[in-house]
Amino acid sequence: MADRGLVILLAEDDEGHAYLVQQNLLDAGLANRIVHVKDGQEALDYVRCEGAYHERTPNGPLLLLLDINMPRVDGVEVLRQIKADPKTTEFPVIMLTTTDDPREVKRCYELGCSSYVTKPVEYDRFVEAVRRLGLFLAIVKVPREDDRV
């Protein structure tokens, strides 16, 4: 099981997808806290302890699951900003999206994403993709966010 202190930040504007991701990560055996935000700006605010999260204290490992197509700030821009900031560049970022355009996949890896998981449109395939992601997260080592410079 993954580090119980690990917080998974899920940035997903589709409530149905967010619910399925959370439920299937739980079903895969993850007992980690999952924080759901509805767009990329909220994700950046959470990571930076700004806006609605200005009173949040960074503590423990943080992993980001980002949808690409979100309002205000899209997932690729969140990824770019996270990886450009020396305080957050080590955070693992997993792109979780319906976009399987090879150019988009390549761009995300070039920007530093740790993994790219395509959300299949079919429910059973989507559930299986999230279950596999849960198994992956159960063994991955994530740096602590309070170790930031």
Protein backbone atom coordinates (compact mmCIF):
# COMPACT_ATOMS: atom_id res chain seq x y z
CA MET A 1 0.00 0.00 0.00
CA ALA A 2 1.22 3.51 -0.79
CA ASP A 3 2.58 5.84 1.87
CA ARG A 4 -0.48 6.73 3.97
CA GLY A 5 0.83 10.30 4.18
CA LEU A 6 0.74 10.65 0.40
CA VAL A 7 -1.89 13.12 -0.76
CA ILE A 8 -3.22 12.61 -4.26
CA LEU A 9 -4.34 15.86 -5.87
CA LEU A 10 -6.91 15.02 -8.52
CA ALA A 11 -7.62 17.87 -10.96
CA GLU A 12 -10.67 16.80 -12.95
CA ASP A 13 -13.59 18.97 -14.05
CA ASP A 14 -15.89 16.05 -14.90
CA GLU A 15 -17.58 15.02 -11.63
CA GLY A 16 -18.40 11.55 -12.98
CA HIS A 17 -14.79 10.88 -13.97
CA ALA A 18 -13.55 12.25 -10.64
CA TYR A 19 -15.90 9.93 -8.73
CA LEU A 20 -14.83 6.91 -10.81
CA VAL A 21 -11.14 7.69 -10.31
CA GLN A 22 -11.55 8.11 -6.54
CA GLN A 23 -13.71 5.01 -6.15
CA ASN A 24 -11.45 2.81 -8.24
CA LEU A 25 -8.29 3.98 -6.47
CA LEU A 26 -10.00 2.98 -3.22
CA ASP A 27 -11.03 -0.35 -4.74
CA ALA A 28 -7.39 -0.89 -5.80
CA GLY A 29 -6.41 -0.68 -2.12
CA LEU A 30 -5.22 2.92 -1.81
CA ALA A 31 -6.14 4.46 1.53
CA ASN A 32 -4.54 7.80 0.69
CA ARG A 33 -6.26 11.14 1.03
CA ILE A 34 -7.53 12.34 -2.33
CA VAL A 35 -8.13 16.04 -2.79
CA HIS A 36 -10.37 16.81 -5.75
CA VAL A 37 -10.16 20.19 -7.48
CA LYS A 38 -12.27 21.14 -10.50
CA ASP A 39 -9.75 23.03 -12.65
CA GLY A 40 -6.09 23.74 -13.18
CA GLN A 41 -6.10 27.05 -11.31
CA GLU A 42 -7.40 25.31 -8.19
CA ALA A 43 -4.65 22.71 -8.58
CA LEU A 44 -1.98 25.41 -8.76
CA ASP A 45 -3.51 27.21 -5.77
CA TYR A 46 -3.46 23.96 -3.76
CA VAL A 47 0.17 23.20 -4.61
CA ARG A 48 1.29 26.79 -3.93
CA CYS A 49 -0.92 27.25 -0.83
CA GLU A 50 -2.63 30.24 -2.45
CA GLY A 51 -6.21 31.39 -3.01
CA ALA A 52 -8.71 29.16 -1.22
CA TYR A 53 -5.76 27.07 0.06
CA HIS A 54 -3.68 29.96 1.49
CA GLU A 55 -3.95 28.48 5.00
CA ARG A 56 -2.85 25.00 3.93
CA THR A 57 0.47 23.81 5.29
CA PRO A 58 2.52 21.61 2.97
CA ASN A 59 3.10 18.29 4.72
CA GLY A 60 4.11 14.97 3.28
CA PRO A 61 4.33 13.59 -0.21
CA LEU A 62 2.11 15.02 -2.96
CA LEU A 63 1.25 13.44 -6.29
CA LEU A 64 -0.81 15.14 -9.00
CA LEU A 65 -3.33 13.47 -11.30
CA LEU A 66 -4.23 15.98 -14.01
CA ASP A 67 -6.89 15.96 -16.67
CA ILE A 68 -5.75 17.91 -19.73
CA ASN A 69 -8.99 19.57 -20.81
CA MET A 70 -10.07 21.72 -17.86
CA PRO A 71 -11.46 25.24 -17.54
CA ARG A 72 -9.39 28.30 -16.54
CA VAL A 73 -5.97 26.58 -16.67
CA ASP A 74 -5.57 23.31 -18.57
CA GLY A 75 -3.59 20.33 -17.32
CA VAL A 76 -0.66 20.87 -19.68
CA GLU A 77 -0.18 24.41 -18.36
CA VAL A 78 -0.38 23.13 -14.77
CA LEU A 79 2.27 20.53 -15.64
CA ARG A 80 4.47 23.22 -17.25
CA GLN A 81 4.23 25.50 -14.21
CA ILE A 82 4.82 22.67 -11.70
CA LYS A 83 7.91 21.45 -13.53
CA ALA A 84 9.26 25.00 -14.09
CA ASP A 85 9.23 25.79 -10.35
CA PRO A 86 12.28 24.47 -8.45
CA LYS A 87 10.08 24.03 -5.35
CA THR A 88 7.69 21.67 -7.13
CA THR A 89 9.66 20.19 -10.03
CA GLU A 90 10.18 16.87 -8.20
CA PHE A 91 6.44 16.26 -7.69
CA PRO A 92 5.22 13.35 -9.77
CA VAL A 93 2.55 14.38 -12.24
CA ILE A 94 0.37 11.82 -13.97
CA MET A 95 -1.73 12.99 -16.88
CA LEU A 96 -5.11 11.25 -16.80
CA THR A 97 -7.07 12.18 -19.90
CA THR A 98 -9.18 11.06 -22.83
CA THR A 99 -6.71 12.72 -25.22
CA ASP A 100 -4.51 10.12 -26.88
CA ASP A 101 -3.05 12.35 -29.59
CA PRO A 102 0.60 11.21 -29.92
CA ARG A 103 1.76 14.85 -30.17
CA GLU A 104 0.00 15.68 -26.88
CA VAL A 105 1.47 12.61 -25.19
CA LYS A 106 4.97 13.56 -26.42
CA ARG A 107 4.51 17.16 -25.28
CA CYS A 108 3.51 16.07 -21.77
CA TYR A 109 6.53 13.80 -21.44
CA GLU A 110 8.79 16.57 -22.74
CA LEU A 111 7.39 18.86 -20.03
CA GLY A 112 8.19 16.26 -17.39
CA CYS A 113 5.10 14.21 -16.66
CA SER A 114 5.80 10.95 -14.86
CA SER A 115 3.15 8.96 -16.68
CA TYR A 116 0.32 9.43 -19.15
CA VAL A 117 -2.85 7.39 -18.67
CA THR A 118 -5.55 7.52 -21.32
CA LYS A 119 -9.09 7.39 -19.96
CA PRO A 120 -10.95 5.03 -22.26
CA VAL A 121 -14.42 6.14 -23.18
CA GLU A 122 -15.86 2.69 -22.41
CA TYR A 123 -16.68 2.34 -18.70
CA ASP A 124 -15.07 -1.12 -18.18
CA ARG A 125 -11.82 -0.04 -19.83
CA PHE A 126 -11.81 3.18 -17.81
CA VAL A 127 -12.25 1.24 -14.55
CA GLU A 128 -9.39 -1.10 -15.55
CA ALA A 129 -7.08 1.84 -16.41
CA VAL A 130 -7.74 3.45 -13.01
CA ARG A 131 -7.29 0.11 -11.21
CA ARG A 132 -3.87 -0.27 -12.86
CA LEU A 133 -3.03 3.29 -11.88
CA GLY A 134 -3.93 2.41 -8.28
CA LEU A 135 -1.58 -0.56 -8.36
CA PHE A 136 1.17 1.68 -9.73
CA LEU A 137 0.60 4.28 -7.01
CA ALA A 138 0.76 1.57 -4.35
CA ILE A 139 4.45 1.02 -5.09
CA VAL A 140 5.74 4.40 -6.27
CA LYS A 141 7.98 6.50 -3.96
CA VAL A 142 6.95 10.15 -3.84
CA PRO A 143 9.04 13.03 -2.43
CA ARG A 144 7.57 14.98 0.49
CA GLU A 145 6.20 18.42 -0.37
CA ASP A 146 7.51 19.88 2.87
CA ASP A 147 11.05 19.05 1.68
CA ARG A 148 10.75 21.86 -0.86
CA VAL A 149 13.46 24.47 -0.96
